[in-house]
Amino acid sequence: MQRLAWVPAWLSGIATVFGGIAFVVSGTPGTAEYSGGWFWTGVGSTALGITLSGFVERARRRTTENLSSEGGSFQIALEQGFLPSLEDLAKMAGKPQTHRQRDYQRVLDRASQVLVISFTADVRVVVYRLTDAILGSQELAVENSHGRRGKPKPFIEGDGGRGDAVFDWIEGGASLFVDDLAVRKLPGWQGSGKGYKTFISAPILIDGKPKGMLTVDAPTPGDLDETDRSLVESLAALVGVAFALHTPKDRA
């Protein structure tokens, strides 16, 4: 993805400053004034700002041409995705638990749309969320998807195949980029790859524990590259804040 060299440094600054404000508003843990929602908004915004700062710097070093058209499309993605999502997270934090669904869904929609706009026309973006499946096992269920047609399937723990492989990976907490599935064979991932040949996946974490996964895939090797990993990680962090604000404390 040869773009983003023009992206201004103030983008990461906004997220970081917003995080600082949220920390102030949240108050001190253990006091009557403490707001856990604002605290998690601060954590997510600060992490997003730091990650974006590194991402933008890498993109600047890489990108030397075709900036006007590609940069324009990503500017739209930033304006329609990142910044509005921060506003939605702030709204979520200020509402009772039972009134956060609409803002939560908007954050997921915008995170997915950012990736669809930023990459090729044929990408698919899927947000998975950890839920309890039948017979006591766990499942990464589809929470949101955008882009290329084709209904994504859940990953079920204990299936002896792709589900187990994904659950083993997600526990590590690190993102995964596969540039060409025909070249890089992943043990236990058989059955994956229908309709796509390259993908990036990032765990969605709350308190360092995996609660979901954000993945983007494309049909042609080369549509995604190593530099794109930072964008997926940033959006996974943002979605993680939405998960934390949306989930009752006794289920977090």
Protein backbone atom coordinates (compact mmCIF):
# COMPACT_ATOMS: atom_id res chain seq x y z
CA MET A 1 0.00 0.00 0.00
CA GLN A 2 2.15 2.84 -1.25
CA ARG A 3 0.38 5.79 0.31
CA LEU A 4 0.19 7.97 3.40
CA ALA A 5 3.49 9.85 3.10
CA TRP A 6 1.47 13.06 3.25
CA VAL A 7 -0.51 12.08 6.36
CA PRO A 8 0.03 14.88 8.91
CA ALA A 9 1.52 14.10 12.28
CA TRP A 10 -1.39 15.87 13.96
CA LEU A 11 -3.56 12.79 13.41
CA SER A 12 -1.68 10.76 16.01
CA GLY A 13 -1.48 13.89 18.14
CA ILE A 14 -5.25 14.25 18.21
CA ALA A 15 -5.70 10.67 19.40
CA THR A 16 -3.02 11.06 22.06
CA VAL A 17 -4.41 14.38 23.33
CA PHE A 18 -7.93 12.94 23.33
CA GLY A 19 -6.62 10.05 25.41
CA GLY A 20 -5.10 12.47 27.91
CA ILE A 21 -8.38 14.34 28.24
CA ALA A 22 -10.24 11.07 28.76
CA PHE A 23 -7.85 10.08 31.55
CA VAL A 24 -8.52 13.39 33.30
CA VAL A 25 -12.29 13.03 32.92
CA SER A 26 -12.20 9.41 34.17
CA GLY A 27 -11.01 10.45 37.61
CA THR A 28 -9.01 8.35 40.03
CA PRO A 29 -9.67 4.59 40.24
CA GLY A 30 -11.30 3.63 43.52
CA THR A 31 -13.05 6.96 44.04
CA ALA A 32 -16.72 7.77 43.64
CA GLU A 33 -15.93 10.03 40.69
CA TYR A 34 -14.09 7.33 38.77
CA SER A 35 -15.51 6.47 35.34
CA GLY A 36 -14.21 3.19 33.93
CA GLY A 37 -15.65 4.00 30.52
CA TRP A 38 -13.64 7.18 30.19
CA PHE A 39 -10.56 5.39 31.49
CA TRP A 40 -10.76 2.75 28.73
CA THR A 41 -11.40 5.45 26.16
CA GLY A 42 -8.18 7.10 27.32
CA VAL A 43 -6.25 3.86 27.06
CA GLY A 44 -7.50 3.15 23.56
CA SER A 45 -6.99 6.68 22.26
CA THR A 46 -3.46 6.90 23.60
CA ALA A 47 -2.55 3.51 22.17
CA LEU A 48 -4.07 4.51 18.86
CA GLY A 49 -2.06 7.73 18.79
CA ILE A 50 1.22 5.96 19.53
CA THR A 51 0.57 3.24 16.95
CA LEU A 52 -0.48 5.73 14.30
CA SER A 53 2.66 7.76 14.87
CA GLY A 54 4.86 4.78 14.05
CA PHE A 55 2.62 3.75 11.17
CA VAL A 56 2.73 7.17 9.55
CA GLU A 57 6.50 7.35 9.85
CA ARG A 58 6.93 3.97 8.15
CA ALA A 59 4.53 4.97 5.42
CA ARG A 60 6.41 8.21 4.82
CA ARG A 61 9.65 6.35 4.36
CA ARG A 62 8.07 3.95 1.89
CA THR A 63 5.95 6.24 -0.23
CA THR A 64 7.56 8.33 -2.95
CA GLU A 65 5.03 8.37 -5.80
CA ASN A 66 1.32 8.30 -6.66
CA LEU A 67 0.51 10.31 -3.57
CA SER A 68 -2.21 12.57 -4.91
CA SER A 69 -4.77 9.90 -5.83
CA GLU A 70 -3.92 7.31 -3.19
CA GLY A 71 -3.40 9.86 -0.46
CA GLY A 72 -6.77 11.38 -1.25
CA SER A 73 -8.57 8.09 -0.78
CA PHE A 74 -6.89 7.50 2.55
CA GLN A 75 -7.68 11.01 3.72
CA ILE A 76 -11.34 10.19 3.19
CA ALA A 77 -10.85 7.01 5.21
CA LEU A 78 -9.29 8.93 8.08
CA GLU A 79 -11.98 11.58 8.09
CA GLN A 80 -14.80 9.04 7.88
CA GLY A 81 -13.25 6.40 10.11
CA PHE A 82 -10.64 7.26 12.72
CA LEU A 83 -11.80 10.64 13.96
CA PRO A 84 -15.56 9.89 14.02
CA SER A 85 -14.82 6.62 15.83
CA LEU A 86 -13.05 8.51 18.60
CA GLU A 87 -16.14 10.68 18.95
CA ASP A 88 -18.36 7.58 19.10
CA LEU A 89 -16.18 6.07 21.82
CA ALA A 90 -16.53 9.24 23.86
CA LYS A 91 -20.31 9.09 23.44
CA MET A 92 -20.35 5.43 24.50
CA ALA A 93 -18.38 6.21 27.64
CA GLY A 94 -20.90 8.85 28.66
CA LYS A 95 -23.97 6.63 28.28
CA PRO A 96 -25.46 3.89 30.46
CA GLN A 97 -24.43 0.36 29.48
CA THR A 98 -27.84 -0.36 27.96
CA HIS A 99 -27.69 2.63 25.59
CA ARG A 100 -24.34 2.00 23.89
CA GLN A 101 -25.33 -0.39 21.10
CA ARG A 102 -25.78 2.18 18.32
CA ASP A 103 -22.42 3.88 18.95
CA TYR A 104 -20.76 0.48 19.31
CA GLN A 105 -22.06 -0.66 15.94
CA ARG A 106 -20.93 2.59 14.33
CA VAL A 107 -17.37 2.10 15.58
CA LEU A 108 -17.26 -1.40 14.10
CA ASP A 109 -18.75 -0.21 10.80
CA ARG A 110 -16.28 2.64 10.48
CA ALA A 111 -13.27 0.51 11.39
CA SER A 112 -14.21 -1.95 8.66
CA GLN A 113 -14.95 0.78 6.14
CA VAL A 114 -11.55 2.40 6.74
CA LEU A 115 -9.86 -0.77 5.57
CA VAL A 116 -12.18 -1.28 2.60
CA ILE A 117 -11.49 2.27 1.40
CA SER A 118 -7.76 2.03 2.05
CA PHE A 119 -7.04 -1.15 0.11
CA THR A 120 -8.23 -2.66 -3.16
CA ALA A 121 -11.85 -2.98 -4.27
CA ASP A 122 -11.89 -6.72 -3.55
CA VAL A 123 -10.81 -6.78 0.09
CA ARG A 124 -13.00 -8.23 2.82
CA VAL A 125 -12.84 -7.00 6.40
CA VAL A 126 -14.24 -9.06 9.26
CA VAL A 127 -14.53 -8.31 12.97
CA TYR A 128 -14.80 -11.45 15.10
CA ARG A 129 -15.84 -11.47 18.75
CA LEU A 130 -15.21 -14.19 21.30
CA THR A 131 -18.41 -15.88 22.48
CA ASP A 132 -19.45 -19.10 24.16
CA ALA A 133 -20.25 -21.81 21.63
CA ILE A 134 -22.13 -25.06 22.06
CA LEU A 135 -20.87 -27.76 24.43
CA GLY A 136 -18.85 -25.26 26.43
CA SER A 137 -16.29 -24.44 23.74
CA GLN A 138 -15.48 -20.93 22.58
CA GLU A 139 -16.17 -19.38 19.22
CA LEU A 140 -14.87 -16.38 17.30
CA ALA A 141 -18.22 -15.30 15.89
CA VAL A 142 -18.67 -12.76 13.10
CA GLU A 143 -19.59 -9.43 14.69
CA ASN A 144 -19.22 -7.22 11.61
CA SER A 145 -18.03 -7.51 8.00
CA HIS A 146 -17.63 -5.25 4.96
CA GLY A 147 -16.19 -5.48 1.48
CA ARG A 148 -16.01 -8.44 -0.85
CA ARG A 149 -19.04 -10.69 -1.01
CA GLY A 150 -18.97 -14.04 0.68
CA LYS A 151 -20.24 -14.85 4.15
CA PRO A 152 -17.34 -15.38 6.56
CA LYS A 153 -17.46 -18.39 8.87
CA PRO A 154 -16.79 -18.44 12.61
CA PHE A 155 -13.79 -20.14 14.19
CA ILE A 156 -14.73 -22.77 16.78
CA GLU A 157 -12.32 -23.95 19.44
CA GLY A 158 -11.87 -27.70 19.62
CA ASP A 159 -12.79 -28.42 16.00
CA GLY A 160 -9.45 -30.13 15.40
CA GLY A 161 -8.61 -27.81 12.49
CA ARG A 162 -8.68 -24.14 11.58
CA GLY A 163 -10.50 -23.14 14.76
CA ASP A 164 -7.84 -24.64 17.01
CA ALA A 165 -5.08 -23.10 14.91
CA VAL A 166 -6.59 -19.61 15.19
CA PHE A 167 -7.20 -19.94 18.93
CA ASP A 168 -3.60 -21.06 19.47
CA TRP A 169 -2.36 -18.06 17.50
CA ILE A 170 -4.62 -15.46 19.10
CA GLU A 171 -3.40 -16.34 22.59
CA GLY A 172 0.02 -15.01 21.60
CA GLY A 173 -1.37 -11.50 21.16
CA ALA A 174 0.62 -10.67 18.01
CA SER A 175 -0.70 -9.82 14.55
CA LEU A 176 -0.17 -12.11 11.58
CA PHE A 177 0.53 -11.21 7.95
CA VAL A 178 0.57 -13.85 5.20
CA ASP A 179 1.60 -12.39 1.86
CA ASP A 180 0.80 -15.49 -0.22
CA LEU A 181 -1.10 -18.53 1.07
CA ALA A 182 0.20 -20.59 -1.85
CA VAL A 183 3.76 -20.06 -0.65
CA ARG A 184 3.42 -19.85 3.11
CA LYS A 185 1.71 -22.96 4.44
CA LEU A 186 0.30 -22.56 7.94
CA PRO A 187 0.00 -25.83 9.90
CA GLY A 188 -3.58 -26.49 10.95
CA TRP A 189 -5.04 -23.66 8.87
CA GLN A 190 -6.36 -25.96 6.16
CA GLY A 191 -9.74 -24.81 4.94
CA SER A 192 -8.84 -21.14 5.18
CA GLY A 193 -8.15 -19.19 2.04
CA LYS A 194 -11.44 -19.55 0.16
CA GLY A 195 -11.71 -16.51 -2.09
CA TYR A 196 -8.48 -14.91 -0.88
CA LYS A 197 -4.73 -15.46 -1.15
CA THR A 198 -3.33 -12.91 1.31
CA PHE A 199 -4.47 -11.63 4.70
CA ILE A 200 -3.59 -9.66 7.82
CA SER A 201 -5.14 -10.53 11.19
CA ALA A 202 -4.77 -8.78 14.54
CA PRO A 203 -6.10 -9.88 17.93
CA ILE A 204 -8.58 -7.59 19.66
CA LEU A 205 -7.42 -7.37 23.27
CA ILE A 206 -8.96 -6.20 26.55
CA ASP A 207 -6.60 -6.07 29.52
CA GLY A 208 -4.12 -8.03 27.41
CA LYS A 209 -6.58 -10.88 26.92
CA PRO A 210 -7.87 -11.82 23.45
CA LYS A 211 -11.54 -11.00 23.00
CA GLY A 212 -11.76 -11.02 19.23
CA MET A 213 -9.94 -10.63 15.94
CA LEU A 214 -9.86 -8.11 13.10
CA THR A 215 -8.86 -9.49 9.72
CA VAL A 216 -8.56 -8.13 6.19
CA ASP A 217 -8.06 -10.43 3.21
CA ALA A 218 -7.66 -9.98 -0.54
CA PRO A 219 -7.74 -12.30 -3.57
CA THR A 220 -4.36 -11.36 -5.06
CA PRO A 221 -0.91 -11.63 -3.45
CA GLY A 222 0.60 -8.16 -3.31
CA ASP A 223 -2.68 -6.40 -2.50
CA LEU A 224 -1.49 -6.28 1.12
CA ASP A 225 2.02 -5.85 2.48
CA GLU A 226 3.96 -5.65 5.72
CA THR A 227 3.45 -1.90 6.07
CA ASP A 228 -0.32 -2.39 6.19
CA ARG A 229 -0.06 -4.42 9.38
CA SER A 230 0.18 -1.28 11.53
CA LEU A 231 -3.12 0.06 10.23
CA VAL A 232 -4.89 -3.21 11.04
CA GLU A 233 -3.31 -3.27 14.51
CA SER A 234 -4.41 0.33 15.14
CA LEU A 235 -7.99 -0.40 14.19
CA ALA A 236 -7.99 -3.59 16.27
CA ALA A 237 -6.96 -1.49 19.28
CA LEU A 238 -9.78 0.95 18.57
CA VAL A 239 -12.31 -1.88 18.28
CA GLY A 240 -10.97 -3.31 21.53
CA VAL A 241 -11.96 -0.12 23.34
CA ALA A 242 -15.44 -0.43 21.82
CA PHE A 243 -15.62 -4.04 23.03
CA ALA A 244 -14.63 -2.97 26.56
CA LEU A 245 -17.22 -0.19 26.67
CA HIS A 246 -19.92 -2.43 25.21
CA THR A 247 -19.35 -5.44 27.49
CA PRO A 248 -20.76 -5.46 31.05
CA LYS A 249 -17.96 -5.59 33.64
CA ASP A 250 -18.97 -9.03 34.88
CA ARG A 251 -18.45 -10.42 31.37
CA ALA A 252 -15.26 -8.54 30.43
